[in-house]
């Protein structure tokens, strides 16, 4: 589906967008004014580069757009890339933003008597069923995953499951809902993700932008 026309950069909506825009601008990309207009319904935006547009989509959709060639490159959390697990996506740069972790959590009153190393079968609510299954299968635990896209923290108290696997930043939402962290699956940051076919067929352009983002990250870290 990759076009021979403009390059497309996919950016995620929400908190990560706020964190990544300083890097995008440091890389020399300035979106049109409508990008910052809260009342605008546009999803695709021109930039100061005639051959580059930006699309703004849900965080989980960034990987889909890149894998299927609707976008040539973009910014995605490592959690999304791990869940999507596509051979069409190459993620060369850790942008050092969006720091969080994928955790297993359970009700606080269960934790003192529980030992994750003794689990053989668990029922888990999560929006990361593939990550969850792979993690537990690696040590011989059968994970029955119930896919939820939100409100994970109330699932145990509603009797849906005993444990959840979710993305955690401060842990305050878990605590407010009577849950505690019991096991870390992975530390997460956001990465620059690239469509592999685009990297081959439009090597000069893609390499240029990869290096621009690498320079932007290095400049912030300096």
Foldseek 3Di string as FASTA:
>chain_A
DADPFAAEEEEEDDDVCVVCVLLCVLLPWAWDPLVPPPPDPDQKTDTPDNRYIYGYYHQLCNVVCQQVNVHFKYKHKVLSCQLVVHPQKDFDFFLPAPKWFKFKKFAPVCPVVDDVLPAAEFEEEECRVPLVCVQQVVNNHHYRYDYDPDPRLCCCVVVNTGMYIYIGHPCPVNVVSRMDTDDTSGIMGMTMMGGPVCCVVVVVVVVSSVVSSVVSSVVVVD
